[in-house]
């Protein structure tokens, strides 16, 4: 848990300091700081931190980008009768 927290702190600092255009570049920057991580772990970290690629670089997104399932209920015919959201 401590490693994850410190790695995510490092990701925050890297993204705040300079534009990052790819996960490969971000992984290389993390490695220079002593963090060895795989691409799947990095993707999970970015998602958990609320980071998305926009305008060709990774940025923190201010609002929720996933539509809550309950908001989709009017679009799903018959599904709402079988499930309670």
N, C-alpha and C. Protein backbone atom coordinates (compact mmCIF):
# COMPACT_ATOMS: atom_id res chain seq x y z
N UNK A 1 0.81 -1.19 0.00
CA UNK A 1 0.00 0.00 0.00
C UNK A 1 0.86 1.26 0.00
N UNK A 2 1.93 1.25 0.77
CA UNK A 2 2.79 2.43 0.83
C UNK A 2 3.46 2.65 -0.52
N UNK A 3 3.91 1.58 -1.17
CA UNK A 3 4.54 1.71 -2.48
C UNK A 3 3.54 2.30 -3.49
N UNK A 4 2.32 1.81 -3.47
CA UNK A 4 1.30 2.32 -4.39
C UNK A 4 1.07 3.81 -4.15
N UNK A 5 0.95 4.19 -2.89
CA UNK A 5 0.71 5.59 -2.55
C UNK A 5 1.87 6.47 -3.01
N UNK A 6 3.09 6.05 -2.75
CA UNK A 6 4.25 6.86 -3.15
C UNK A 6 4.40 6.90 -4.67
N UNK A 7 4.09 5.78 -5.35
CA UNK A 7 4.14 5.77 -6.82
C UNK A 7 3.10 6.73 -7.39
N UNK A 8 1.90 6.71 -6.82
CA UNK A 8 0.85 7.61 -7.31
C UNK A 8 1.19 9.06 -7.01
N UNK A 9 1.82 9.32 -5.88
CA UNK A 9 2.29 10.68 -5.59
C UNK A 9 3.30 11.12 -6.64
N UNK A 10 4.20 10.21 -7.01
CA UNK A 10 5.20 10.53 -8.03
C UNK A 10 4.53 10.80 -9.38
N UNK A 11 3.51 10.03 -9.71
CA UNK A 11 2.78 10.25 -10.96
C UNK A 11 2.15 11.64 -10.96
N UNK A 12 1.53 12.02 -9.84
CA UNK A 12 0.93 13.36 -9.72
C UNK A 12 1.97 14.44 -9.98
N UNK A 13 3.12 14.29 -9.35
CA UNK A 13 4.19 15.29 -9.49
C UNK A 13 4.70 15.34 -10.93
N UNK A 14 4.88 14.19 -11.56
CA UNK A 14 5.36 14.17 -12.94
C UNK A 14 4.38 14.83 -13.89
N UNK A 15 3.10 14.53 -13.71
CA UNK A 15 2.09 15.11 -14.59
C UNK A 15 1.94 16.61 -14.37
N UNK A 16 2.15 17.07 -13.15
CA UNK A 16 2.06 18.49 -12.85
C UNK A 16 3.26 19.26 -13.39
N UNK A 17 4.41 18.59 -13.46
CA UNK A 17 5.65 19.26 -13.85
C UNK A 17 5.79 19.43 -15.36
N UNK A 18 5.48 18.40 -16.11
CA UNK A 18 5.71 18.42 -17.56
C UNK A 18 4.61 17.66 -18.29
N UNK A 19 4.35 18.04 -19.55
CA UNK A 19 3.38 17.25 -20.33
C UNK A 19 3.89 15.83 -20.53
N UNK A 20 3.02 14.87 -20.39
CA UNK A 20 3.35 13.46 -20.62
C UNK A 20 2.44 12.98 -21.73
N UNK A 21 3.04 12.50 -22.82
CA UNK A 21 2.27 12.14 -24.00
C UNK A 21 1.98 10.65 -24.15
N UNK A 22 2.69 9.82 -23.39
CA UNK A 22 2.45 8.38 -23.51
C UNK A 22 2.74 7.69 -22.19
N UNK A 23 2.13 6.53 -22.03
CA UNK A 23 2.41 5.73 -20.83
C UNK A 23 3.85 5.26 -20.85
N UNK A 24 4.40 5.03 -22.03
CA UNK A 24 5.80 4.63 -22.14
C UNK A 24 6.71 5.71 -21.55
N UNK A 25 6.44 6.97 -21.89
CA UNK A 25 7.23 8.08 -21.36
C UNK A 25 7.06 8.19 -19.84
N UNK A 26 5.83 7.99 -19.37
CA UNK A 26 5.57 8.07 -17.94
C UNK A 26 6.28 6.94 -17.20
N UNK A 27 6.24 5.74 -17.77
CA UNK A 27 6.95 4.60 -17.15
C UNK A 27 8.44 4.88 -17.07
N UNK A 28 9.01 5.48 -18.13
CA UNK A 28 10.44 5.79 -18.14
C UNK A 28 10.78 6.83 -17.06
N UNK A 29 9.92 7.83 -16.92
CA UNK A 29 10.14 8.85 -15.89
C UNK A 29 10.04 8.24 -14.49
N UNK A 30 9.08 7.34 -14.30
CA UNK A 30 8.94 6.67 -13.01
C UNK A 30 10.17 5.80 -12.72
N UNK A 31 10.68 5.14 -13.74
CA UNK A 31 11.86 4.29 -13.56
C UNK A 31 13.06 5.13 -13.10
N UNK A 32 13.19 6.33 -13.66
CA UNK A 32 14.29 7.22 -13.24
C UNK A 32 14.16 7.60 -11.76
N UNK A 33 12.93 7.58 -11.25
CA UNK A 33 12.71 7.88 -9.84
C UNK A 33 12.77 6.63 -8.96
N UNK A 34 13.02 5.47 -9.60
CA UNK A 34 13.16 4.23 -8.85
C UNK A 34 11.91 3.38 -8.77
N UNK A 35 10.88 3.73 -9.54
CA UNK A 35 9.63 2.96 -9.54
C UNK A 35 9.58 2.08 -10.78
N UNK A 36 9.66 0.76 -10.58
CA UNK A 36 9.49 -0.18 -11.69
C UNK A 36 8.03 -0.60 -11.68
N UNK A 37 7.36 -0.38 -12.81
CA UNK A 37 5.94 -0.70 -12.88
C UNK A 37 5.58 -1.22 -14.25
N UNK A 38 4.55 -2.02 -14.30
CA UNK A 38 4.09 -2.55 -15.58
C UNK A 38 3.03 -1.62 -16.17
N UNK A 39 2.75 -1.79 -17.44
CA UNK A 39 1.75 -0.96 -18.11
C UNK A 39 0.36 -1.15 -17.50
N UNK A 40 -0.07 -2.39 -17.19
CA UNK A 40 -1.39 -2.54 -16.56
C UNK A 40 -1.50 -1.84 -15.20
N UNK A 41 -0.45 -1.90 -14.40
CA UNK A 41 -0.46 -1.22 -13.10
C UNK A 41 -0.53 0.29 -13.31
N UNK A 42 0.24 0.78 -14.27
CA UNK A 42 0.22 2.22 -14.56
C UNK A 42 -1.16 2.66 -15.02
N UNK A 43 -1.80 1.88 -15.86
CA UNK A 43 -3.16 2.20 -16.31
C UNK A 43 -4.13 2.28 -15.13
N UNK A 44 -4.03 1.32 -14.22
CA UNK A 44 -4.89 1.34 -13.03
C UNK A 44 -4.62 2.57 -12.17
N UNK A 45 -3.33 2.92 -12.02
CA UNK A 45 -2.99 4.11 -11.25
C UNK A 45 -3.59 5.36 -11.89
N UNK A 46 -3.46 5.48 -13.20
CA UNK A 46 -3.99 6.66 -13.89
C UNK A 46 -5.50 6.74 -13.71
N UNK A 47 -6.17 5.62 -13.85
CA UNK A 47 -7.63 5.60 -13.67
C UNK A 47 -8.00 5.99 -12.24
N UNK A 48 -7.29 5.45 -11.27
CA UNK A 48 -7.57 5.75 -9.86
C UNK A 48 -7.31 7.21 -9.52
N UNK A 49 -6.35 7.82 -10.21
CA UNK A 49 -6.02 9.22 -9.96
C UNK A 49 -6.92 10.18 -10.73
N UNK A 50 -7.77 9.65 -11.59
CA UNK A 50 -8.63 10.52 -12.38
C UNK A 50 -7.89 11.18 -13.52
N UNK A 51 -6.99 10.44 -14.14
CA UNK A 51 -6.18 10.96 -15.24
C UNK A 51 -6.65 10.34 -16.54
N UNK A 52 -6.76 11.17 -17.57
CA UNK A 52 -7.14 10.69 -18.90
C UNK A 52 -6.30 11.43 -19.94
N UNK A 53 -6.21 10.84 -21.10
CA UNK A 53 -5.47 11.48 -22.18
C UNK A 53 -6.40 12.45 -22.90
N UNK A 54 -5.96 13.69 -23.00
CA UNK A 54 -6.75 14.72 -23.65
C UNK A 54 -5.79 15.68 -24.34
N UNK A 55 -6.08 16.01 -25.58
CA UNK A 55 -5.20 16.91 -26.29
C UNK A 55 -3.81 16.36 -26.49
N UNK A 56 -3.70 15.05 -26.56
CA UNK A 56 -2.40 14.42 -26.80
C UNK A 56 -1.52 14.24 -25.58
N UNK A 57 -2.04 14.56 -24.40
CA UNK A 57 -1.25 14.36 -23.19
C UNK A 57 -2.15 13.97 -22.03
N UNK A 58 -1.54 13.38 -21.02
CA UNK A 58 -2.30 12.93 -19.85
C UNK A 58 -2.58 14.11 -18.93
N UNK A 59 -3.85 14.20 -18.49
CA UNK A 59 -4.28 15.30 -17.64
C UNK A 59 -5.26 14.78 -16.60
N UNK A 60 -5.34 15.50 -15.50
CA UNK A 60 -6.35 15.19 -14.50
C UNK A 60 -7.69 15.69 -15.02
N UNK A 61 -8.72 14.87 -14.91
CA UNK A 61 -10.05 15.28 -15.36
C UNK A 61 -10.86 15.67 -14.13
N UNK A 62 -11.60 16.75 -14.28
CA UNK A 62 -12.31 17.32 -13.15
C UNK A 62 -13.60 16.59 -12.82
N UNK A 63 -14.26 16.05 -13.81
CA UNK A 63 -15.56 15.45 -13.55
C UNK A 63 -15.59 13.98 -13.92
N UNK A 64 -16.58 13.30 -13.45
CA UNK A 64 -16.77 11.88 -13.71
C UNK A 64 -16.97 11.67 -15.20
N UNK A 65 -16.22 10.75 -15.78
CA UNK A 65 -16.32 10.50 -17.21
C UNK A 65 -17.17 9.28 -17.54
N UNK A 66 -17.61 8.56 -16.53
CA UNK A 66 -18.41 7.36 -16.75
C UNK A 66 -19.85 7.67 -16.33
N UNK A 67 -20.77 7.34 -17.21
CA UNK A 67 -22.18 7.56 -16.90
C UNK A 67 -22.65 6.53 -15.88
N UNK A 68 -23.21 6.98 -14.76
CA UNK A 68 -23.73 6.02 -13.78
C UNK A 68 -24.83 5.16 -14.40
N UNK A 69 -24.86 3.90 -14.06
CA UNK A 69 -25.81 2.96 -14.64
C UNK A 69 -27.25 3.42 -14.43
N UNK A 70 -27.55 3.97 -13.28
CA UNK A 70 -28.90 4.45 -13.02
C UNK A 70 -29.36 5.50 -14.01
N UNK A 71 -28.44 6.31 -14.49
CA UNK A 71 -28.78 7.35 -15.46
C UNK A 71 -29.12 6.76 -16.83
N UNK A 72 -28.70 5.54 -17.07
CA UNK A 72 -28.97 4.89 -18.35
C UNK A 72 -30.31 4.15 -18.36
N UNK A 73 -30.95 4.04 -17.21
CA UNK A 73 -32.18 3.25 -17.09
C UNK A 73 -33.21 3.60 -18.17
N UNK A 74 -33.48 4.89 -18.43
CA UNK A 74 -34.48 5.20 -19.45
C UNK A 74 -34.12 4.68 -20.85
N UNK A 75 -32.85 4.45 -21.08
CA UNK A 75 -32.41 3.96 -22.38
C UNK A 75 -32.48 2.45 -22.53
N UNK A 76 -32.59 1.76 -21.40
CA UNK A 76 -32.57 0.30 -21.40
C UNK A 76 -33.99 -0.24 -21.23
N UNK A 77 -34.59 -0.65 -22.29
CA UNK A 77 -35.98 -1.13 -22.25
C UNK A 77 -36.07 -2.49 -21.57
N UNK A 78 -36.91 -2.57 -20.60
CA UNK A 78 -37.18 -3.85 -19.96
C UNK A 78 -36.13 -4.29 -18.95
N UNK A 79 -34.96 -3.78 -19.01
CA UNK A 79 -33.90 -4.21 -18.10
C UNK A 79 -34.20 -3.77 -16.68
N UNK A 80 -34.75 -2.58 -16.52
CA UNK A 80 -35.04 -2.03 -15.20
C UNK A 80 -36.06 -2.85 -14.43
N UNK A 81 -36.89 -3.59 -15.13
CA UNK A 81 -37.91 -4.42 -14.46
C UNK A 81 -37.29 -5.65 -13.81
N UNK A 82 -36.17 -6.08 -14.33
CA UNK A 82 -35.54 -7.28 -13.79
C UNK A 82 -34.49 -6.94 -12.73
N UNK A 83 -33.98 -5.72 -12.77
CA UNK A 83 -32.92 -5.32 -11.84
C UNK A 83 -33.35 -4.08 -11.08
N UNK A 84 -32.92 -3.98 -9.85
CA UNK A 84 -33.22 -2.76 -9.09
C UNK A 84 -31.94 -1.95 -8.98
N UNK A 85 -31.99 -0.75 -9.50
CA UNK A 85 -30.83 0.14 -9.41
C UNK A 85 -31.11 1.18 -8.43
